[in-house]
Amino acid sequence: MMQRGGRDRLRRPPVERGAAWLVAHGNRRLRYLGAVKNNAWLHTRAAALNLRTLVNLGLTRTDDAWPLVPAVA
């Protein structure tokens, strides 16, 4: 049986990486006053990071469609 520390060690790096991307480049502090504006900023930032990841994985626009073409390694 795998110990708890071993299981957590497998899941933690991707979660930590995602949190690091969110706070990169001076984004450690909230910019706006109010939860609504900060929530909108967080969702926009997360969407931008997700889009960047998809583009790096091969997302392209072709004839008004967005097929995910696997990158050749």
N, C-alpha and C. Protein backbone atom coordinates (compact mmCIF):
# COMPACT_ATOMS: atom_id res chain seq x y z
N MET A 1 0.84 -1.18 0.00
CA MET A 1 0.00 0.00 0.00
C MET A 1 0.89 1.25 0.00
N MET A 2 0.56 2.21 -0.84
CA MET A 2 1.35 3.43 -0.95
C MET A 2 1.05 4.37 0.22
N GLN A 3 2.10 4.95 0.74
CA GLN A 3 1.91 5.88 1.84
C GLN A 3 1.32 7.18 1.34
N ARG A 4 0.70 7.91 2.25
CA ARG A 4 0.06 9.18 1.90
C ARG A 4 1.05 10.16 1.29
N GLY A 5 2.25 10.26 1.84
CA GLY A 5 3.26 11.18 1.32
C GLY A 5 3.61 10.89 -0.13
N GLY A 6 3.65 9.64 -0.50
CA GLY A 6 3.98 9.26 -1.87
C GLY A 6 2.88 9.66 -2.85
N ARG A 7 1.64 9.48 -2.45
CA ARG A 7 0.51 9.84 -3.31
C ARG A 7 0.44 11.35 -3.49
N ASP A 8 0.66 12.09 -2.41
CA ASP A 8 0.62 13.55 -2.50
C ASP A 8 1.78 14.08 -3.32
N ARG A 9 2.89 13.42 -3.26
CA ARG A 9 4.06 13.86 -4.00
C ARG A 9 3.83 13.78 -5.51
N LEU A 10 2.97 12.88 -5.94
CA LEU A 10 2.67 12.75 -7.37
C LEU A 10 1.71 13.83 -7.85
N ARG A 11 0.78 14.25 -6.98
CA ARG A 11 -0.22 15.24 -7.37
C ARG A 11 0.22 16.67 -7.16
N ARG A 12 1.11 16.91 -6.24
CA ARG A 12 1.43 18.27 -5.84
C ARG A 12 2.14 19.09 -6.92
N PRO A 13 3.14 18.60 -7.64
CA PRO A 13 3.85 19.44 -8.61
C PRO A 13 2.97 20.11 -9.65
N PRO A 14 2.00 19.42 -10.29
CA PRO A 14 1.16 20.13 -11.26
C PRO A 14 0.30 21.23 -10.63
N VAL A 15 -0.16 20.99 -9.42
CA VAL A 15 -0.98 22.00 -8.73
C VAL A 15 -0.12 23.20 -8.38
N GLU A 16 1.07 22.96 -7.88
CA GLU A 16 1.99 24.05 -7.53
C GLU A 16 2.38 24.84 -8.79
N ARG A 17 2.57 24.16 -9.90
CA ARG A 17 2.92 24.83 -11.15
C ARG A 17 1.79 25.76 -11.60
N GLY A 18 0.57 25.28 -11.51
CA GLY A 18 -0.58 26.12 -11.88
C GLY A 18 -0.70 27.35 -11.00
N ALA A 19 -0.47 27.19 -9.71
CA ALA A 19 -0.52 28.33 -8.79
C ALA A 19 0.61 29.30 -9.10
N ALA A 20 1.78 28.78 -9.44
CA ALA A 20 2.91 29.65 -9.77
C ALA A 20 2.63 30.45 -11.04
N TRP A 21 1.98 29.85 -12.02
CA TRP A 21 1.66 30.58 -13.25
C TRP A 21 0.68 31.70 -12.96
N LEU A 22 -0.27 31.47 -12.07
CA LEU A 22 -1.26 32.51 -11.75
C LEU A 22 -0.62 33.73 -11.11
N VAL A 23 0.39 33.53 -10.27
CA VAL A 23 0.98 34.66 -9.54
C VAL A 23 2.26 35.19 -10.19
N ALA A 24 2.62 34.69 -11.37
CA ALA A 24 3.84 35.14 -12.04
C ALA A 24 3.71 36.58 -12.52
N HIS A 25 4.83 37.24 -12.68
CA HIS A 25 4.93 38.59 -13.25
C HIS A 25 4.13 39.63 -12.47
N GLY A 26 4.33 39.66 -11.17
CA GLY A 26 3.72 40.72 -10.36
C GLY A 26 2.25 40.53 -10.05
N ASN A 27 1.74 39.33 -10.16
CA ASN A 27 0.31 39.09 -9.91
C ASN A 27 0.06 38.46 -8.55
N ARG A 28 0.90 38.75 -7.57
CA ARG A 28 0.72 38.19 -6.24
C ARG A 28 -0.33 38.93 -5.43
N ARG A 29 -0.55 40.19 -5.73
CA ARG A 29 -1.52 40.98 -4.99
C ARG A 29 -2.73 41.29 -5.86
N LEU A 30 -3.86 41.47 -5.23
CA LEU A 30 -5.06 41.80 -5.97
C LEU A 30 -4.99 43.24 -6.46
N ARG A 31 -5.46 43.49 -7.66
CA ARG A 31 -5.36 44.81 -8.27
C ARG A 31 -6.56 45.69 -7.99
N TYR A 32 -7.70 45.10 -7.77
CA TYR A 32 -8.94 45.85 -7.72
C TYR A 32 -9.55 45.81 -6.33
N LEU A 33 -10.43 46.76 -6.06
CA LEU A 33 -11.21 46.73 -4.83
C LEU A 33 -12.53 46.04 -5.13
N GLY A 34 -12.88 45.09 -4.32
CA GLY A 34 -14.14 44.39 -4.51
C GLY A 34 -13.96 42.99 -5.04
N ALA A 35 -14.76 42.09 -4.52
CA ALA A 35 -14.65 40.69 -4.89
C ALA A 35 -15.07 40.44 -6.33
N VAL A 36 -16.05 41.18 -6.84
CA VAL A 36 -16.55 40.94 -8.20
C VAL A 36 -15.47 41.23 -9.23
N LYS A 37 -14.79 42.35 -9.10
CA LYS A 37 -13.74 42.71 -10.05
C LYS A 37 -12.55 41.76 -9.95
N ASN A 38 -12.18 41.39 -8.74
CA ASN A 38 -11.06 40.47 -8.58
C ASN A 38 -11.40 39.08 -9.09
N ASN A 39 -12.64 38.66 -8.92
CA ASN A 39 -13.07 37.37 -9.44
C ASN A 39 -13.03 37.37 -10.97
N ALA A 40 -13.46 38.47 -11.58
CA ALA A 40 -13.41 38.59 -13.05
C ALA A 40 -11.96 38.57 -13.53
N TRP A 41 -11.06 39.24 -12.81
CA TRP A 41 -9.65 39.24 -13.18
C TRP A 41 -9.07 37.83 -13.10
N LEU A 42 -9.39 37.12 -12.02
CA LEU A 42 -8.87 35.76 -11.84
C LEU A 42 -9.33 34.85 -12.96
N HIS A 43 -10.61 34.93 -13.32
CA HIS A 43 -11.12 34.08 -14.40
C HIS A 43 -10.50 34.44 -15.74
N THR A 44 -10.28 35.72 -15.99
CA THR A 44 -9.64 36.15 -17.23
C THR A 44 -8.20 35.66 -17.28
N ARG A 45 -7.48 35.78 -16.18
CA ARG A 45 -6.08 35.33 -16.11
C ARG A 45 -6.01 33.82 -16.33
N ALA A 46 -6.88 33.06 -15.69
CA ALA A 46 -6.88 31.61 -15.86
C ALA A 46 -7.22 31.23 -17.30
N ALA A 47 -8.17 31.92 -17.92
CA ALA A 47 -8.53 31.64 -19.31
C ALA A 47 -7.36 31.94 -20.24
N ALA A 48 -6.64 33.03 -19.99
CA ALA A 48 -5.48 33.37 -20.81
C ALA A 48 -4.39 32.32 -20.68
N LEU A 49 -4.15 31.84 -19.47
CA LEU A 49 -3.14 30.81 -19.27
C LEU A 49 -3.55 29.50 -19.93
N ASN A 50 -4.83 29.15 -19.84
CA ASN A 50 -5.32 27.94 -20.51
C ASN A 50 -5.19 28.06 -22.02
N LEU A 51 -5.50 29.23 -22.57
CA LEU A 51 -5.36 29.43 -24.01
C LEU A 51 -3.91 29.32 -24.43
N ARG A 52 -3.00 29.91 -23.65
CA ARG A 52 -1.58 29.80 -23.97
C ARG A 52 -1.13 28.34 -23.98
N THR A 53 -1.60 27.57 -23.00
CA THR A 53 -1.25 26.15 -22.93
C THR A 53 -1.77 25.40 -24.15
N LEU A 54 -3.02 25.67 -24.54
CA LEU A 54 -3.59 25.00 -25.72
C LEU A 54 -2.85 25.38 -27.00
N VAL A 55 -2.46 26.62 -27.15
CA VAL A 55 -1.70 27.05 -28.33
C VAL A 55 -0.36 26.33 -28.36
N ASN A 56 0.28 26.20 -27.21
CA ASN A 56 1.56 25.49 -27.14
C ASN A 56 1.40 24.01 -27.45
N LEU A 57 0.21 23.47 -27.21
CA LEU A 57 -0.05 22.06 -27.52
C LEU A 57 -0.49 21.84 -28.97
N GLY A 58 -0.67 22.92 -29.73
CA GLY A 58 -0.98 22.77 -31.15
C GLY A 58 -2.32 23.30 -31.59
N LEU A 59 -2.99 24.11 -30.78
CA LEU A 59 -4.28 24.68 -31.17
C LEU A 59 -4.06 25.70 -32.29
N THR A 60 -4.77 25.53 -33.39
CA THR A 60 -4.65 26.46 -34.52
C THR A 60 -6.04 26.79 -35.05
N ARG A 61 -6.14 27.90 -35.75
CA ARG A 61 -7.42 28.28 -36.34
C ARG A 61 -7.39 27.97 -37.83
N THR A 62 -8.37 27.19 -38.28
CA THR A 62 -8.46 26.81 -39.68
C THR A 62 -9.92 26.86 -40.10
N ASP A 63 -10.23 27.71 -41.06
CA ASP A 63 -11.60 27.80 -41.59
C ASP A 63 -12.65 27.97 -40.49
N ASP A 64 -12.45 28.94 -39.63
CA ASP A 64 -13.38 29.25 -38.53
C ASP A 64 -13.57 28.09 -37.56
N ALA A 65 -12.59 27.21 -37.48
CA ALA A 65 -12.61 26.12 -36.51
C ALA A 65 -11.28 26.13 -35.75
N TRP A 66 -11.27 25.54 -34.59
CA TRP A 66 -10.07 25.51 -33.76
C TRP A 66 -9.64 24.06 -33.49
N PRO A 67 -9.09 23.36 -34.47
CA PRO A 67 -8.66 21.97 -34.23
C PRO A 67 -7.38 21.94 -33.42
N LEU A 68 -7.28 20.95 -32.55
CA LEU A 68 -6.08 20.75 -31.76
C LEU A 68 -5.22 19.75 -32.49
N VAL A 69 -4.20 20.26 -33.17
CA VAL A 69 -3.29 19.43 -33.94
C VAL A 69 -2.09 19.11 -33.05
N PRO A 70 -1.83 17.83 -32.80
CA PRO A 70 -0.70 17.50 -31.93
C PRO A 70 0.62 17.99 -32.51
N ALA A 71 1.43 18.59 -31.66
CA ALA A 71 2.76 19.06 -32.09
C ALA A 71 3.66 17.87 -32.33
N VAL A 72 4.48 17.97 -33.35
CA VAL A 72 5.43 16.90 -33.66
C VAL A 72 6.63 17.05 -32.75
N ALA A 73 6.93 15.98 -32.01
CA ALA A 73 8.04 16.06 -31.04
C ALA A 73 9.32 15.56 -31.63
